[in-house]
Amino acid sequence: METLKKVGSYKLIALDMDGTLLNHQQEISEANRKAIAEAIEKGVHVVLSTGRHLKSTKKYADSLQLSSYLIVVNGGEIWDPSGNLLETNRLEENYVQSMWDLCKQHNGRFWAVTSDSVFHNSMPENISGLEWLKFGFDLDDHEVRELILTELRKNNQLEISNSSPLNIEVNALGINKANALKKICKLLGISMDEVLACGDSLNDLAMIQAAGCGVAMGNAQSIVKEAADWVTDTNDADGVAKAIRYWVLNEK
């Protein structure tokens, strides 16, 4: 598949964080930092595209000295290079309530994200009036996970993905990293064919499929590897740096 792609022709690099840019110690390796810096020096935009909330994303963006757009909460929010919120995509509170009820029914762990907070395994007294962006289930039991997925799929207004094989992530329908990237590309005047996207999980699948070159990490879920144009090394072995050096910096 490599021969179908144009090495050195990419103007934007979209990077998932957990399982991709970050190693298992939640750190950005020196090799990844160096490759990103060299790509930026070449004039390439680097966009973090993550399921994380803004607060935990921005500290990494700042450490990389990025001055580009940020996609957070799987596209639930898009932030511009000046730190202005461009777009918020809410998850209806009645859907949040029903998912919380599902968690209680199955004794599952969860997290829920609003525009300014992340709730872990507990919810505010009144969930109404808050800007909900995402609901996540953390489930070790495969059978329980499948039961919950079956229930969630009955609602055709939900975007269902995951950020690891053991969880489920839910946004509003149509809210995903691919659609957020398309909006950013339009603002920058570039096409999705000029995007290199790297990821490892189901919440990266749409952007990997939509990008000019979709790269799966060596540690990616099988479905992501199958959909990708190229498979790089793992997140613990500088997979992001290796993809950037090959596809963007044209180093063989």
Protein backbone atom coordinates (compact mmCIF):
# COMPACT_ATOMS: atom_id res chain seq x y z
CA MET A 1 0.00 0.00 0.00
CA GLU A 2 2.96 2.33 0.51
CA THR A 3 3.38 2.86 -3.24
CA LEU A 4 -0.11 4.35 -3.49
CA LYS A 5 0.80 7.17 -1.12
CA LYS A 6 2.96 10.19 -1.81
CA VAL A 7 5.84 10.36 0.63
CA GLY A 8 6.63 13.94 1.66
CA SER A 9 3.34 15.42 0.44
CA TYR A 10 1.56 15.82 3.77
CA LYS A 11 0.70 19.24 5.19
CA LEU A 12 -1.03 18.18 8.42
CA ILE A 13 -0.24 15.46 10.94
CA ALA A 14 -3.15 14.39 13.18
CA LEU A 15 -2.05 12.52 16.29
CA ASP A 16 -4.09 10.57 18.77
CA MET A 17 -2.53 10.69 22.24
CA ASP A 18 -3.12 7.63 24.45
CA GLY A 19 -1.65 4.53 22.86
CA THR A 20 -0.18 6.64 20.06
CA LEU A 21 1.82 9.79 20.86
CA LEU A 22 2.16 8.87 24.55
CA ASN A 23 4.00 5.80 25.79
CA HIS A 24 2.72 3.68 28.66
CA GLN A 25 4.27 6.13 31.14
CA GLN A 26 2.03 8.86 29.64
CA GLU A 27 5.13 10.60 28.27
CA ILE A 28 6.17 11.90 24.84
CA SER A 29 9.49 10.33 23.91
CA GLU A 30 12.43 12.43 22.78
CA ALA A 31 12.31 10.75 19.37
CA ASN A 32 8.65 11.75 18.95
CA ARG A 33 9.37 15.30 20.10
CA LYS A 34 12.26 15.66 17.65
CA ALA A 35 10.30 14.34 14.66
CA ILE A 36 7.34 16.61 15.45
CA ALA A 37 9.64 19.64 15.78
CA GLU A 38 11.27 18.87 12.43
CA ALA A 39 7.87 18.50 10.75
CA ILE A 40 6.75 21.87 12.16
CA GLU A 41 10.00 23.45 10.96
CA LYS A 42 9.12 22.14 7.50
CA GLY A 43 5.79 24.02 7.71
CA VAL A 44 3.58 21.04 8.54
CA HIS A 45 0.63 21.56 10.92
CA VAL A 46 0.54 19.16 13.88
CA VAL A 47 -2.91 18.65 15.44
CA LEU A 48 -3.53 16.61 18.60
CA SER A 49 -6.75 14.69 18.02
CA THR A 50 -7.80 12.96 21.20
CA GLY A 51 -10.59 11.66 23.37
CA ARG A 52 -9.07 13.60 26.27
CA HIS A 53 -10.49 16.77 27.77
CA LEU A 54 -8.83 20.10 26.95
CA LYS A 55 -7.03 20.45 30.31
CA SER A 56 -5.09 17.20 30.00
CA THR A 57 -4.46 17.79 26.29
CA LYS A 58 -3.17 21.34 26.48
CA LYS A 59 -0.27 20.58 28.79
CA TYR A 60 1.12 18.19 26.18
CA ALA A 61 0.44 20.63 23.34
CA ASP A 62 2.28 23.34 25.28
CA SER A 63 5.21 21.03 25.98
CA LEU A 64 5.52 20.45 22.21
CA GLN A 65 5.20 24.21 21.60
CA LEU A 66 2.30 23.56 19.24
CA SER A 67 0.47 26.55 17.81
CA SER A 68 -2.24 24.74 15.92
CA TYR A 69 -5.79 23.53 16.35
CA LEU A 70 -6.78 20.99 19.01
CA ILE A 71 -9.45 18.32 18.67
CA VAL A 72 -10.55 17.07 22.08
CA VAL A 73 -13.25 14.75 23.46
CA ASN A 74 -13.27 12.90 20.09
CA GLY A 75 -14.40 16.06 18.31
CA GLY A 76 -16.71 17.21 21.08
CA GLU A 77 -14.71 20.44 21.05
CA ILE A 78 -12.44 22.11 18.50
CA TRP A 79 -10.04 24.82 19.70
CA ASP A 80 -8.15 27.27 17.50
CA PRO A 81 -4.42 28.13 17.71
CA SER A 82 -5.18 31.18 19.88
CA GLY A 83 -7.02 29.12 22.47
CA ASN A 84 -10.51 30.10 21.36
CA LEU A 85 -13.29 27.52 21.35
CA LEU A 86 -14.49 27.13 17.76
CA GLU A 87 -17.11 24.47 18.22
CA THR A 88 -18.89 22.51 20.95
CA ASN A 89 -20.92 19.39 20.18
CA ARG A 90 -23.19 18.39 23.02
CA LEU A 91 -24.48 15.00 24.07
CA GLU A 92 -28.12 15.29 25.15
CA GLU A 93 -28.59 15.00 28.89
CA ASN A 94 -31.35 12.38 28.58
CA TYR A 95 -28.85 10.14 26.77
CA VAL A 96 -26.33 10.76 29.55
CA GLN A 97 -28.98 9.83 32.12
CA SER A 98 -29.83 6.59 30.31
CA MET A 99 -26.14 5.62 30.07
CA TRP A 100 -25.61 6.36 33.73
CA ASP A 101 -28.62 4.13 34.48
CA LEU A 102 -27.03 1.38 32.37
CA CYS A 103 -23.84 1.66 34.41
CA LYS A 104 -25.73 1.36 37.67
CA GLN A 105 -27.69 -1.59 36.35
CA HIS A 106 -24.49 -3.47 35.47
CA ASN A 107 -22.26 -2.14 38.27
CA GLY A 108 -19.92 -0.68 35.67
CA ARG A 109 -17.27 2.00 36.06
CA PHE A 110 -17.65 5.12 33.97
CA TRP A 111 -16.49 8.63 33.26
CA ALA A 112 -18.51 11.53 31.89
CA VAL A 113 -17.20 14.73 30.36
CA THR A 114 -18.72 18.20 30.40
CA SER A 115 -17.30 21.40 28.94
CA ASP A 116 -15.40 22.07 32.17
CA SER A 117 -15.26 18.85 34.22
CA VAL A 118 -14.65 15.12 34.10
CA PHE A 119 -16.68 12.94 36.48
CA HIS A 120 -15.28 9.51 37.42
CA ASN A 121 -17.73 6.93 38.81
CA SER A 122 -19.91 9.61 40.40
CA MET A 123 -22.23 12.21 38.98
CA PRO A 124 -23.43 15.64 40.13
CA GLU A 125 -26.74 15.75 41.99
CA ASN A 126 -28.43 17.31 38.99
CA ILE A 127 -27.14 16.46 35.52
CA SER A 128 -29.44 18.92 33.78
CA GLY A 129 -28.09 22.29 32.72
CA LEU A 130 -24.55 20.99 32.12
CA GLU A 131 -22.91 20.83 28.69
CA TRP A 132 -22.25 17.10 28.34
CA LEU A 133 -19.76 16.11 25.63
CA LYS A 134 -19.01 12.40 26.11
CA PHE A 135 -19.88 9.40 28.25
CA GLY A 136 -17.42 6.54 28.72
CA PHE A 137 -17.87 3.01 30.08
CA ASP A 138 -14.90 1.17 31.61
CA LEU A 139 -15.80 -2.53 31.57
CA ASP A 140 -13.55 -5.53 32.23
CA ASP A 141 -16.33 -8.07 31.66
CA HIS A 142 -16.71 -8.86 27.94
CA GLU A 143 -20.30 -10.10 28.28
CA VAL A 144 -21.39 -6.96 30.15
CA ARG A 145 -19.63 -4.81 27.56
CA GLU A 146 -21.52 -6.57 24.75
CA LEU A 147 -24.84 -6.19 26.59
CA ILE A 148 -24.27 -2.46 26.99
CA LEU A 149 -23.18 -2.11 23.36
CA THR A 150 -26.40 -3.83 22.27
CA GLU A 151 -28.45 -1.34 24.27
CA LEU A 152 -26.49 1.66 23.00
CA ARG A 153 -26.89 0.61 19.37
CA LYS A 154 -30.68 0.86 19.74
CA ASN A 155 -30.21 4.65 19.82
CA ASN A 156 -29.29 5.85 16.34
CA GLN A 157 -28.33 9.30 17.65
CA LEU A 158 -25.10 8.08 19.25
CA GLU A 159 -21.54 7.86 17.91
CA ILE A 160 -20.07 4.76 19.56
CA SER A 161 -16.33 4.01 19.67
CA ASN A 162 -13.61 3.15 22.16
CA SER A 163 -10.14 4.25 23.22
CA SER A 164 -9.13 0.78 24.43
CA PRO A 165 -10.57 -2.73 24.01
CA LEU A 166 -11.97 -2.54 27.55
CA ASN A 167 -14.02 0.63 27.23
CA ILE A 168 -16.84 2.23 25.26
CA GLU A 169 -16.93 5.93 24.35
CA VAL A 170 -20.11 7.71 23.30
CA ASN A 171 -20.49 11.09 21.61
CA ALA A 172 -23.40 12.63 19.76
CA LEU A 173 -24.00 11.16 16.30
CA GLY A 174 -21.53 12.44 13.70
CA ILE A 175 -19.07 13.71 16.29
CA ASN A 176 -15.76 12.08 15.58
CA LYS A 177 -12.16 12.97 14.88
CA ALA A 178 -12.56 12.66 11.11
CA ASN A 179 -15.32 15.25 10.86
CA ALA A 180 -13.41 17.60 13.16
CA LEU A 181 -10.31 17.24 10.98
CA LYS A 182 -12.32 18.01 7.85
CA LYS A 183 -13.43 21.30 9.41
CA ILE A 184 -9.85 22.19 10.35
CA CYS A 185 -8.60 21.34 6.87
CA LYS A 186 -11.23 23.63 5.36
CA LEU A 187 -10.06 26.46 7.63
CA LEU A 188 -6.45 25.84 6.62
CA GLY A 189 -7.24 25.49 2.92
CA ILE A 190 -5.90 21.96 2.60
CA SER A 191 -7.52 18.65 1.67
CA MET A 192 -7.86 15.46 3.68
CA ASP A 193 -5.57 13.85 1.09
CA GLU A 194 -2.80 16.00 2.60
CA VAL A 195 -3.37 14.62 6.11
CA LEU A 196 -1.31 11.94 7.83
CA ALA A 197 -3.32 10.51 10.75
CA CYS A 198 -1.97 8.17 13.46
CA GLY A 199 -4.02 6.22 15.99
CA ASP A 200 -4.65 2.93 17.74
CA SER A 201 -8.34 2.60 18.70
CA LEU A 202 -11.89 2.73 17.35
CA ASN A 203 -12.16 6.45 18.07
CA ASP A 204 -9.29 6.88 15.56
CA LEU A 205 -10.79 4.65 12.87
CA ALA A 206 -12.80 7.31 11.03
CA MET A 207 -9.86 9.73 10.78
CA ILE A 208 -7.48 6.96 9.69
CA GLN A 209 -9.92 6.00 6.92
CA ALA A 210 -10.52 9.63 5.88
CA ALA A 211 -6.87 10.75 5.86
CA GLY A 212 -4.62 10.72 2.81
CA CYS A 213 -2.42 8.34 4.77
CA GLY A 214 -3.87 6.52 7.76
CA VAL A 215 -1.27 5.02 10.09
CA ALA A 216 -2.04 2.40 12.73
CA MET A 217 0.26 1.94 15.68
CA GLY A 218 1.95 -1.42 16.19
CA ASN A 219 -0.16 -1.77 19.34
CA ALA A 220 -3.41 -0.80 17.56
CA GLN A 221 -6.59 -2.84 17.67
CA SER A 222 -6.85 -5.29 14.76
CA ILE A 223 -9.72 -3.46 13.04
CA VAL A 224 -7.64 -0.27 13.00
CA LYS A 225 -4.61 -2.04 11.51
CA GLU A 226 -6.81 -3.56 8.81
CA ALA A 227 -8.20 -0.15 7.84
CA ALA A 228 -4.84 1.66 7.85
CA ASP A 229 -2.57 2.35 4.88
CA TRP A 230 0.52 1.61 6.96
CA VAL A 231 1.37 0.09 10.34
CA THR A 232 4.18 1.71 12.30
CA ASP A 233 5.93 0.62 15.49
CA THR A 234 4.29 0.67 18.92
CA ASN A 235 3.75 3.69 21.15
CA ASP A 236 6.59 2.43 23.37
CA ALA A 237 8.98 2.22 20.40
CA ASP A 238 8.59 5.72 18.87
CA GLY A 239 5.98 4.64 16.31
CA VAL A 240 4.85 8.22 15.73
CA ALA A 241 8.40 9.41 15.03
CA LYS A 242 8.97 6.55 12.60
CA ALA A 243 5.78 7.37 10.68
CA ILE A 244 6.64 11.09 10.51
CA ARG A 245 10.19 10.39 9.37
CA TYR A 246 9.06 8.04 6.62
CA TRP A 247 5.95 9.80 5.30
CA VAL A 248 6.56 13.49 6.07
CA LEU A 249 10.31 13.99 6.37
CA ASN A 250 10.99 11.55 3.51
CA GLU A 251 13.63 9.57 5.40
CA LYS A 252 13.94 5.95 4.31
